[in-house]
Amino acid sequence: MTLAAPTADSAMAGAMEAWRTPARLCECGSCGQFQTLPSLLPGQTARCIRCDSGLRRARVDPLGRALALNLAALSIFAVACLMTLMTVSTAGMVRHASLFSGPVDMGRSGLWELTIVVLFTTVIAPVAKLAAMAYVLIGLRLPRPPRHVRRVYAWVEHLRPWSMVEVFLLGVLVAYTKLIDLVHIELGVALYAMALLMLTMIAAEAVLDRQAVWDEMERRGVPHGDIDHVATALRAPTGGAVSCHTCGLVSLPHGHDHQCPRCGSTLHARKPQAVARAWALLIAAAILYVPANVYPVLQFIQLGSGQPSTILGGVVELLDSGMWPLAALVFFASVAVPMLKIFGLVVLLVSCQRGWGQRLRDRTRLYFVVNAVGRWSMIDIFMETILVALVRFGSIVSIEPGVGAIAFCGVVILTMLAAEGFDPRLMWDTAGRNGRAAAEAR
């Protein structure tokens, strides 16, 4: 077993002894290296000794500050949902848009699939994440925390990548630049509330120590099973210890009926069928990538005549308008990122199946980049949602969604699922770095 060395960020660490985190055995989620995560003071960071991935960053009062910020974000979200996002007017006609206008108009145009996706990523997932996080943190302050808070917190982890408030705001910005020369625009209170919400949610994530929540549950007796960290440390990794995909606890599965004693999730040494599932999702995304770029994502209708626009067509329009930075942003997010993400995942999957042992660190970093940037491709979908909601002035001028948007949305979702389902530790397994057979790893 090895010790992960912390790096101190503050000279005042000695004054924060009360916030010291406990030393625990952990498995790096990037490379599968078992190591002892040392006790950390607030501001200190522990990194993997083999792949240099971050294992944990300790925070000052990680639960109290996170609770305050999540409650504040919920209050701001209520304002954003009740107020107007934008108002446009032309030829004496006025249109208002809220968070719900775009998805509703998408449904009226027959694209109910986009209605579901946009509502989920901009309203349902963010609200559920904030409410669940606040519920867990409030529950842990009660004299007897309810045992089901562990399952609620597990859902927070699953909802995190699908909460896309910041991506939605960037989509609104692109829509604004497209409309500014077409109609008169007034920004509503909801837009400012969404900007403040984005900053508050970022701050809530920054002050939260995710492992501190699980440690507090363990300290308060929330887990159903007994957790013996000493016995696990003595027997791992040769004793068959595995880490939980949800809470990160290292335990012995045969001692807990293959259920994590802390969060109750089913224990697996690696994500089940990770390579096969990632290939299936990736092939489906590659197939959809063709119609997503061939078919129009929206149609601009003025005085009865329609002009369909593809993703690349929208980039060209921005270039013709002299908006080079925005054109570059849309091209990168909507064209380059999906293509590079598909290519990057292919490289990772092939290297995993062939057991390549070179540049493992670089490929691990590539995985996390691919996993992080995929959600930003939703900019085009969110932009279209705003345009469809605001530009509906009958025969004078209107914008209708196109079927290409469904295919493009499918590409984004499938590549996100493929990246989430892949396990980067398999690359280290098949290269013979973790002492596991390649067949078992796959």
Protein backbone atom coordinates (compact mmCIF):
# COMPACT_ATOMS: atom_id res chain seq x y z
CA MET A 1 0.00 0.00 0.00
CA THR A 2 1.17 3.53 -0.71
CA LEU A 3 0.61 6.95 0.76
CA ALA A 4 -0.81 9.84 -1.27
CA ALA A 5 1.05 12.99 -0.35
CA PRO A 6 -1.00 16.16 0.36
CA THR A 7 0.01 19.63 -0.80
CA ALA A 8 -0.66 22.51 1.60
CA ASP A 9 -2.32 25.63 0.21
CA SER A 10 -2.42 27.66 3.42
CA ALA A 11 0.01 28.58 6.17
CA MET A 12 -2.89 28.71 8.64
CA ALA A 13 -3.50 24.95 8.50
CA GLY A 14 -2.63 24.53 12.18
CA ALA A 15 -5.51 26.79 13.22
CA MET A 16 -8.01 24.59 11.39
CA GLU A 17 -7.32 21.32 13.20
CA ALA A 18 -11.02 20.87 13.94
CA TRP A 19 -11.74 20.48 10.22
CA ARG A 20 -9.09 17.81 9.64
CA THR A 21 -10.36 14.94 7.49
CA PRO A 22 -9.77 11.32 8.60
CA ALA A 23 -7.10 9.15 6.98
CA ARG A 24 -8.70 6.43 4.86
CA LEU A 25 -7.83 3.77 2.33
CA CYS A 26 -8.99 4.73 -1.16
CA GLU A 27 -8.79 3.55 -4.74
CA CYS A 28 -7.98 6.11 -7.41
CA GLY A 29 -10.98 6.39 -9.70
CA SER A 30 -8.69 7.17 -12.64
CA CYS A 31 -6.06 4.43 -12.52
CA GLY A 32 -7.22 1.93 -9.86
CA GLN A 33 -4.21 2.41 -7.54
CA PHE A 34 -4.99 1.54 -3.90
CA GLN A 35 -3.39 4.03 -1.53
CA THR A 36 -3.85 5.60 1.87
CA LEU A 37 -5.51 8.99 1.66
CA PRO A 38 -3.85 10.93 4.50
CA SER A 39 -5.55 13.19 6.99
CA LEU A 40 -6.02 16.61 5.40
CA LEU A 41 -6.39 20.11 6.73
CA PRO A 42 -8.69 22.61 4.97
CA GLY A 43 -7.04 23.86 1.79
CA GLN A 44 -4.92 20.75 1.36
CA THR A 45 -5.20 18.52 -1.69
CA ALA A 46 -4.31 14.84 -2.06
CA ARG A 47 -3.32 13.55 -5.48
CA CYS A 48 -2.75 10.03 -6.78
CA ILE A 49 0.92 9.02 -6.56
CA ARG A 50 0.70 7.20 -9.91
CA CYS A 51 -1.51 9.18 -12.30
CA ASP A 52 -1.59 12.53 -10.41
CA SER A 53 -5.39 12.71 -10.49
CA GLY A 54 -7.06 14.60 -7.65
CA LEU A 55 -8.28 12.35 -4.84
CA ARG A 56 -9.68 14.92 -2.43
CA ARG A 57 -9.54 18.61 -1.53
CA ALA A 58 -10.46 19.45 2.05
CA ARG A 59 -12.66 22.49 2.76
CA VAL A 60 -13.48 24.70 5.72
CA ASP A 61 -17.02 24.00 7.00
CA PRO A 62 -17.88 22.04 3.83
CA LEU A 63 -21.43 21.25 4.96
CA GLY A 64 -22.60 24.54 6.46
CA ARG A 65 -21.51 26.81 3.63
CA ALA A 66 -22.76 24.37 1.00
CA LEU A 67 -26.19 24.28 2.68
CA ALA A 68 -26.47 28.08 2.70
CA LEU A 69 -25.51 28.35 -0.97
CA ASN A 70 -27.85 25.56 -2.09
CA LEU A 71 -30.79 27.18 -0.26
CA ALA A 72 -29.89 30.53 -1.84
CA ALA A 73 -29.74 28.91 -5.27
CA LEU A 74 -33.20 27.39 -4.80
CA SER A 75 -34.61 30.83 -3.93
CA ILE A 76 -33.00 32.39 -7.00
CA PHE A 77 -34.31 29.55 -9.17
CA ALA A 78 -37.85 30.30 -8.00
CA VAL A 79 -37.45 33.88 -9.25
CA ALA A 80 -36.04 32.67 -12.57
CA CYS A 81 -38.99 30.33 -13.11
CA LEU A 82 -41.63 32.95 -12.31
CA MET A 83 -40.25 35.93 -14.22
CA THR A 84 -39.70 36.75 -17.91
CA LEU A 85 -36.43 35.74 -19.57
CA MET A 86 -36.61 37.99 -22.66
CA THR A 87 -39.12 40.18 -24.49
CA VAL A 88 -38.93 40.91 -28.22
CA SER A 89 -41.08 43.17 -30.37
CA THR A 90 -41.43 43.99 -34.05
CA ALA A 91 -44.15 45.65 -36.17
CA GLY A 92 -46.20 46.36 -33.05
CA MET A 93 -46.22 42.71 -31.94
CA VAL A 94 -44.64 41.53 -28.68
CA ARG A 95 -43.42 38.10 -27.57
CA HIS A 96 -42.33 37.07 -24.08
CA ALA A 97 -40.19 34.06 -23.21
CA SER A 98 -39.72 32.29 -19.90
CA LEU A 99 -37.79 29.15 -18.98
CA PHE A 100 -40.81 27.09 -20.06
CA SER A 101 -41.78 28.91 -23.29
CA GLY A 102 -39.15 27.31 -25.52
CA PRO A 103 -39.79 23.68 -24.49
CA VAL A 104 -43.56 24.20 -24.79
CA ASP A 105 -43.24 25.66 -28.31
CA MET A 106 -40.94 22.79 -29.27
CA GLY A 107 -43.68 20.38 -28.24
CA ARG A 108 -46.27 22.28 -30.26
CA SER A 109 -44.04 21.91 -33.31
CA GLY A 110 -44.01 18.14 -32.82
CA LEU A 111 -40.51 17.87 -31.36
CA TRP A 112 -41.62 16.62 -27.94
CA GLU A 113 -38.28 14.80 -27.54
CA LEU A 114 -36.53 18.16 -27.31
CA THR A 115 -39.20 19.39 -24.89
CA ILE A 116 -38.31 16.59 -22.48
CA VAL A 117 -34.54 17.06 -22.81
CA VAL A 118 -34.57 20.85 -22.45
CA LEU A 119 -36.95 20.83 -19.48
CA PHE A 120 -34.93 18.12 -17.76
CA THR A 121 -31.52 19.76 -18.22
CA THR A 122 -32.55 23.36 -17.50
CA VAL A 123 -35.24 22.97 -14.82
CA ILE A 124 -35.85 19.46 -13.47
CA ALA A 125 -32.23 18.30 -13.00
CA PRO A 126 -30.93 21.58 -11.47
CA VAL A 127 -33.90 21.92 -9.10
CA ALA A 128 -33.77 18.26 -8.10
CA LYS A 129 -30.01 18.47 -7.50
CA LEU A 130 -30.28 21.62 -5.38
CA ALA A 131 -33.30 20.36 -3.42
CA ALA A 132 -31.74 16.93 -2.82
CA MET A 133 -28.45 18.48 -1.71
CA ALA A 134 -30.22 20.85 0.69
CA TYR A 135 -32.34 17.97 2.03
CA VAL A 136 -29.26 15.85 2.73
CA LEU A 137 -27.36 18.67 4.44
CA ILE A 138 -30.40 19.63 6.56
CA GLY A 139 -30.96 15.97 7.42
CA LEU A 140 -27.40 15.64 8.69
CA ARG A 141 -28.03 18.53 11.11
CA LEU A 142 -30.95 16.73 12.76
CA PRO A 143 -30.45 14.81 16.04
CA ARG A 144 -31.29 11.59 14.19
CA PRO A 145 -30.60 11.87 10.46
CA PRO A 146 -32.99 9.78 8.31
CA ARG A 147 -31.24 6.74 6.86
CA HIS A 148 -32.53 7.36 3.35
CA VAL A 149 -30.38 10.50 2.99
CA ARG A 150 -27.62 8.25 1.69
CA ARG A 151 -29.77 7.24 -1.30
CA VAL A 152 -30.84 10.85 -1.87
CA TYR A 153 -27.21 11.96 -1.92
CA ALA A 154 -26.36 9.17 -4.35
CA TRP A 155 -28.89 10.68 -6.77
CA VAL A 156 -27.16 14.05 -6.44
CA GLU A 157 -24.04 12.47 -7.91
CA HIS A 158 -26.03 11.10 -10.85
CA LEU A 159 -27.79 14.43 -11.53
CA ARG A 160 -24.65 16.57 -11.47
CA PRO A 161 -23.61 16.23 -15.17
CA TRP A 162 -27.19 16.77 -16.41
CA SER A 163 -27.68 20.12 -14.68
CA MET A 164 -26.83 22.58 -17.46
CA VAL A 165 -27.67 26.08 -16.24
CA GLU A 166 -24.34 27.54 -17.42
CA VAL A 167 -24.66 25.90 -20.85
CA PHE A 168 -28.21 27.26 -21.17
CA LEU A 169 -26.99 30.80 -20.42
CA LEU A 170 -24.39 30.55 -23.16
CA GLY A 171 -27.11 29.37 -25.54
CA VAL A 172 -29.19 32.42 -24.59
CA LEU A 173 -26.20 34.65 -25.37
CA VAL A 174 -25.86 33.14 -28.85
CA ALA A 175 -29.60 33.57 -29.45
CA TYR A 176 -29.39 37.20 -28.35
CA THR A 177 -26.66 37.96 -30.89
CA LYS A 178 -28.74 36.36 -33.66
CA LEU A 179 -31.85 38.40 -32.76
CA ILE A 180 -30.34 41.79 -31.98
CA ASP A 181 -30.46 42.96 -35.62
CA LEU A 182 -33.83 41.33 -36.33
CA VAL A 183 -36.11 42.54 -33.51
CA HIS A 184 -36.07 44.85 -30.51
CA ILE A 185 -34.98 42.91 -27.39
CA GLU A 186 -35.46 43.61 -23.70
CA LEU A 187 -33.75 41.44 -21.12
CA GLY A 188 -35.98 40.17 -18.32
CA VAL A 189 -35.45 39.66 -14.60
CA ALA A 190 -35.23 35.89 -15.09
CA LEU A 191 -32.09 36.24 -17.22
CA TYR A 192 -30.27 38.15 -14.48
CA ALA A 193 -31.56 35.63 -11.96
CA MET A 194 -30.17 32.78 -14.07
CA ALA A 195 -26.77 34.47 -14.22
CA LEU A 196 -26.78 34.87 -10.44
CA LEU A 197 -28.00 31.27 -10.10
CA MET A 198 -25.07 30.03 -12.18
CA LEU A 199 -22.56 31.83 -9.96
CA THR A 200 -24.26 30.56 -6.80
CA MET A 201 -24.27 26.97 -8.03
CA ILE A 202 -20.59 27.20 -8.98
CA ALA A 203 -19.81 28.54 -5.50
CA ALA A 204 -21.87 25.74 -3.88
CA GLU A 205 -19.85 23.13 -5.78
CA ALA A 206 -16.57 24.89 -4.93
CA VAL A 207 -17.13 24.88 -1.15
CA LEU A 208 -18.51 21.33 -0.99
CA ASP A 209 -16.27 18.42 -0.04
CA ARG A 210 -18.24 15.46 -1.40
CA GLN A 211 -16.43 12.92 0.74
CA ALA A 212 -17.09 15.05 3.83
CA VAL A 213 -20.82 14.39 3.35
CA TRP A 214 -20.26 10.62 3.32
CA ASP A 215 -17.90 10.88 6.30
CA GLU A 216 -20.55 12.81 8.24
CA MET A 217 -23.16 10.16 7.43
CA GLU A 218 -20.79 7.51 8.70
CA ARG A 219 -20.07 9.49 11.87
CA ARG A 220 -23.79 9.98 12.53
CA GLY A 221 -24.60 6.29 12.09
CA VAL A 222 -26.58 6.61 8.84
CA PRO A 223 -25.10 3.51 7.09
CA HIS A 224 -26.87 0.22 7.76
CA GLY A 225 -23.75 -1.96 7.67
CA ASP A 226 -20.69 -2.00 9.92
CA ILE A 227 -17.65 -0.31 8.40
CA ASP A 228 -14.26 -1.56 9.54
CA HIS A 229 -11.66 0.64 7.85
CA VAL A 230 -8.74 -1.06 9.61
CA ALA A 231 -9.69 -4.58 8.47
CA THR A 232 -10.24 -3.38 4.93
CA ALA A 233 -6.89 -1.60 4.84
CA LEU A 234 -5.08 -4.72 6.06
CA ARG A 235 -6.66 -6.99 3.43
CA ALA A 236 -6.71 -4.67 0.40
CA PRO A 237 -6.03 -4.98 -2.44
CA THR A 238 -5.09 -8.68 -2.37
CA GLY A 239 -8.09 -9.50 -0.20
CA GLY A 240 -10.58 -8.57 -2.92
CA ALA A 241 -11.45 -5.10 -1.65
CA VAL A 242 -13.25 -2.82 -4.13
CA SER A 243 -14.28 0.82 -4.05
CA CYS A 244 -17.90 1.90 -4.40
CA HIS A 245 -18.66 3.79 -7.64
CA THR A 246 -21.08 6.04 -5.76
CA CYS A 247 -19.43 7.01 -2.47
CA GLY A 248 -15.84 5.84 -2.97
CA LEU A 249 -15.73 3.65 0.16
CA VAL A 250 -13.27 0.74 -0.08
CA SER A 251 -14.83 -2.40 1.38
CA LEU A 252 -14.89 -6.19 1.11
CA PRO A 253 -17.94 -7.15 -1.00
CA HIS A 254 -18.24 -10.72 0.31
CA GLY A 255 -18.72 -9.34 3.80
CA HIS A 256 -21.70 -7.18 2.82
CA ASP A 257 -23.59 -9.29 0.25
CA HIS A 258 -22.03 -7.20 -2.54
CA GLN A 259 -23.72 -4.04 -1.23
CA CYS A 260 -21.77 -0.97 -0.16
CA PRO A 261 -22.17 -0.75 3.65
CA ARG A 262 -22.20 3.05 3.50
CA CYS A 263 -24.48 4.03 0.58
CA GLY A 264 -26.16 0.70 -0.27
CA SER A 265 -25.07 0.66 -3.93
CA THR A 266 -24.15 -2.63 -5.60
CA LEU A 267 -20.40 -3.16 -5.53
CA HIS A 268 -18.41 -3.83 -8.71
CA ALA A 269 -14.66 -3.93 -9.15
CA ARG A 270 -15.22 -2.05 -12.42
CA LYS A 271 -18.28 -0.64 -14.13
CA PRO A 272 -20.13 -3.66 -15.58
CA GLN A 273 -19.73 -4.17 -19.35
CA ALA A 274 -18.16 -0.71 -19.58
CA VAL A 275 -16.38 -1.25 -22.91
CA ALA A 276 -19.29 -2.98 -24.66
CA ARG A 277 -21.80 -0.35 -23.52
CA ALA A 278 -19.52 2.52 -24.50
CA TRP A 279 -19.03 1.02 -27.98
CA ALA A 280 -22.78 0.57 -28.48
CA LEU A 281 -23.57 4.15 -27.44
CA LEU A 282 -20.67 5.55 -29.45
CA ILE A 283 -21.69 3.76 -32.66
CA ALA A 284 -25.25 5.03 -32.26
CA ALA A 285 -23.92 8.58 -31.75
CA ALA A 286 -21.70 8.32 -34.84
CA ILE A 287 -24.70 7.23 -36.93
CA LEU A 288 -26.79 10.18 -35.71
CA TYR A 289 -23.93 12.62 -36.32
CA VAL A 290 -24.57 12.46 -40.10
CA PRO A 291 -28.27 13.55 -40.10
CA ALA A 292 -27.48 16.03 -37.32
CA ASN A 293 -25.25 17.94 -39.73
CA VAL A 294 -27.18 17.28 -42.97
CA TYR A 295 -30.75 18.09 -41.93
CA PRO A 296 -31.73 21.62 -40.85
CA VAL A 297 -31.88 22.35 -37.13
CA LEU A 298 -34.20 25.32 -37.67
CA GLN A 299 -36.05 27.16 -40.44
CA PHE A 300 -36.22 30.94 -40.74
CA ILE A 301 -39.52 32.00 -42.33
CA GLN A 302 -39.97 35.62 -43.45
CA LEU A 303 -42.97 36.91 -45.43
CA GLY A 304 -44.07 33.37 -46.20
CA SER A 305 -40.77 32.07 -47.59
CA GLY A 306 -38.64 29.65 -45.60
CA GLN A 307 -34.89 29.34 -45.37
CA PRO A 308 -33.64 26.17 -43.59
CA SER A 309 -30.42 26.37 -41.62
CA THR A 310 -28.04 23.59 -40.60
CA ILE A 311 -25.49 23.77 -37.78
CA LEU A 312 -22.73 24.79 -40.18
CA GLY A 313 -25.13 27.23 -41.83
CA GLY A 314 -25.59 28.96 -38.47
CA VAL A 315 -21.83 29.29 -38.09
CA VAL A 316 -21.59 30.84 -41.57
CA GLU A 317 -24.33 33.34 -40.68
CA LEU A 318 -22.40 34.45 -37.62
CA LEU A 319 -19.26 34.84 -39.73
CA ASP A 320 -21.15 36.91 -42.32
CA SER A 321 -22.40 39.14 -39.49
CA GLY A 322 -18.82 39.74 -38.35
CA MET A 323 -19.29 37.85 -35.08
CA TRP A 324 -16.06 35.84 -35.31
CA PRO A 325 -15.69 34.98 -31.61
CA LEU A 326 -19.26 33.67 -31.40
CA ALA A 327 -18.93 31.80 -34.68
CA ALA A 328 -15.79 30.12 -33.33
CA LEU A 329 -17.59 29.24 -30.10
CA VAL A 330 -20.59 27.69 -31.88
CA PHE A 331 -18.35 25.81 -34.32
CA PHE A 332 -16.22 24.43 -31.49
CA ALA A 333 -19.16 23.44 -29.27
CA SER A 334 -21.54 22.12 -31.95
CA VAL A 335 -19.25 20.71 -34.64
CA ALA A 336 -15.74 20.12 -33.31
CA VAL A 337 -16.57 18.87 -29.80
CA PRO A 338 -18.97 16.05 -30.85
CA MET A 339 -16.55 14.89 -33.55
CA LEU A 340 -13.49 15.05 -31.28
CA LYS A 341 -15.41 13.39 -28.48
CA ILE A 342 -16.33 10.44 -30.72
CA PHE A 343 -12.73 10.19 -31.94
CA GLY A 344 -11.34 10.47 -28.39
CA LEU A 345 -13.61 7.73 -27.07
CA VAL A 346 -12.65 5.47 -29.98
CA VAL A 347 -8.97 5.94 -29.07
CA LEU A 348 -9.67 5.13 -25.41
CA LEU A 349 -11.74 2.04 -26.20
CA VAL A 350 -9.27 0.66 -28.73
CA SER A 351 -6.32 1.27 -26.40
CA CYS A 352 -8.22 -0.48 -23.62
CA GLN A 353 -9.03 -3.55 -25.71
CA ARG A 354 -5.50 -3.81 -27.09
CA GLY A 355 -3.85 -3.30 -23.71
CA TRP A 356 -1.63 -0.40 -24.76
CA GLY A 357 0.78 0.45 -21.95
CA GLN A 358 2.13 3.73 -23.35
CA ARG A 359 0.99 7.24 -22.32
CA LEU A 360 -1.52 5.98 -19.76
CA ARG A 361 -1.49 9.29 -17.90
CA ASP A 362 -2.19 11.23 -21.09
CA ARG A 363 -5.06 8.93 -22.03
CA THR A 364 -6.49 9.25 -18.53
CA ARG A 365 -6.43 13.04 -18.87
CA LEU A 366 -8.01 12.71 -22.30
CA TYR A 367 -10.89 10.76 -20.77
CA PHE A 368 -11.65 13.47 -18.22
CA VAL A 369 -11.47 16.19 -20.89
CA VAL A 370 -13.86 14.23 -23.11
CA ASN A 371 -16.20 13.63 -20.18
CA ALA A 372 -16.20 17.30 -19.18
CA VAL A 373 -16.69 19.10 -22.53
CA GLY A 374 -19.47 16.97 -24.03
CA ARG A 375 -22.33 18.77 -22.27
CA TRP A 376 -21.33 22.11 -23.83
CA SER A 377 -22.53 20.90 -27.21
CA MET A 378 -26.07 21.54 -25.94
CA ILE A 379 -25.51 25.25 -26.66
CA ASP A 380 -27.08 24.87 -30.10
CA ILE A 381 -30.20 23.17 -28.71
CA PHE A 382 -30.71 25.81 -26.04
CA MET A 383 -30.15 28.61 -28.55
CA GLU A 384 -32.79 27.11 -30.81
CA THR A 385 -35.21 26.82 -27.88
CA ILE A 386 -34.98 30.57 -27.23
CA LEU A 387 -35.29 31.47 -30.92
CA VAL A 388 -38.38 29.30 -31.40
CA ALA A 389 -40.02 30.81 -28.30
CA LEU A 390 -39.35 34.45 -29.22
CA VAL A 391 -39.59 34.67 -33.00
CA ARG A 392 -43.21 33.78 -33.74
CA PHE A 393 -44.78 36.72 -35.55
CA GLY A 394 -46.98 34.90 -38.03
CA SER A 395 -46.27 35.47 -41.71
CA ILE A 396 -43.99 38.44 -41.00
CA VAL A 397 -41.17 36.47 -39.40
CA SER A 398 -40.96 33.23 -37.44
CA ILE A 399 -38.49 30.48 -36.63
CA GLU A 400 -39.46 26.79 -36.64
CA PRO A 401 -37.36 23.91 -35.28
CA GLY A 402 -35.97 21.28 -37.66
CA VAL A 403 -35.59 17.52 -37.37
CA GLY A 404 -31.80 17.86 -37.42
CA ALA A 405 -32.04 19.20 -33.88
CA ILE A 406 -33.38 15.86 -32.62
CA ALA A 407 -30.46 13.97 -34.19
CA PHE A 408 -27.95 16.46 -32.81
CA CYS A 409 -29.45 16.26 -29.33
CA GLY A 410 -29.22 12.47 -29.59
CA VAL A 411 -25.51 12.73 -30.45
CA VAL A 412 -24.83 14.87 -27.37
CA ILE A 413 -26.75 12.61 -24.99
CA LEU A 414 -25.33 9.36 -26.36
CA THR A 415 -21.73 10.58 -26.20
CA MET A 416 -22.29 11.80 -22.64
CA LEU A 417 -23.68 8.40 -21.65
CA ALA A 418 -20.78 6.64 -23.39
CA ALA A 419 -18.21 8.73 -21.51
CA GLU A 420 -20.03 8.33 -18.19
CA GLY A 421 -20.27 4.57 -18.69
CA PHE A 422 -16.60 4.04 -19.55
CA ASP A 423 -14.20 3.19 -16.72
CA PRO A 424 -10.70 4.70 -17.20
CA ARG A 425 -9.23 2.19 -14.74
CA LEU A 426 -9.72 -0.49 -17.40
CA MET A 427 -6.88 1.07 -19.42
CA TRP A 428 -4.53 0.52 -16.50
CA ASP A 429 -5.94 -2.99 -15.89
CA THR A 430 -5.43 -4.20 -19.44
CA ALA A 431 -1.93 -2.68 -19.51
CA GLY A 432 -1.11 -4.95 -16.54
CA ARG A 433 -0.68 -2.15 -13.99
CA ASN A 434 -3.30 -3.29 -11.48
CA GLY A 435 -2.72 -7.05 -11.42
CA ARG A 436 -6.11 -7.85 -12.94
CA ALA A 437 -6.68 -10.10 -15.91
CA ALA A 438 -7.76 -8.30 -19.06
CA ALA A 439 -10.82 -10.50 -19.40
CA GLU A 440 -11.94 -9.68 -15.84
CA ALA A 441 -11.37 -5.99 -16.42
CA ARG A 442 -13.59 -5.95 -19.49
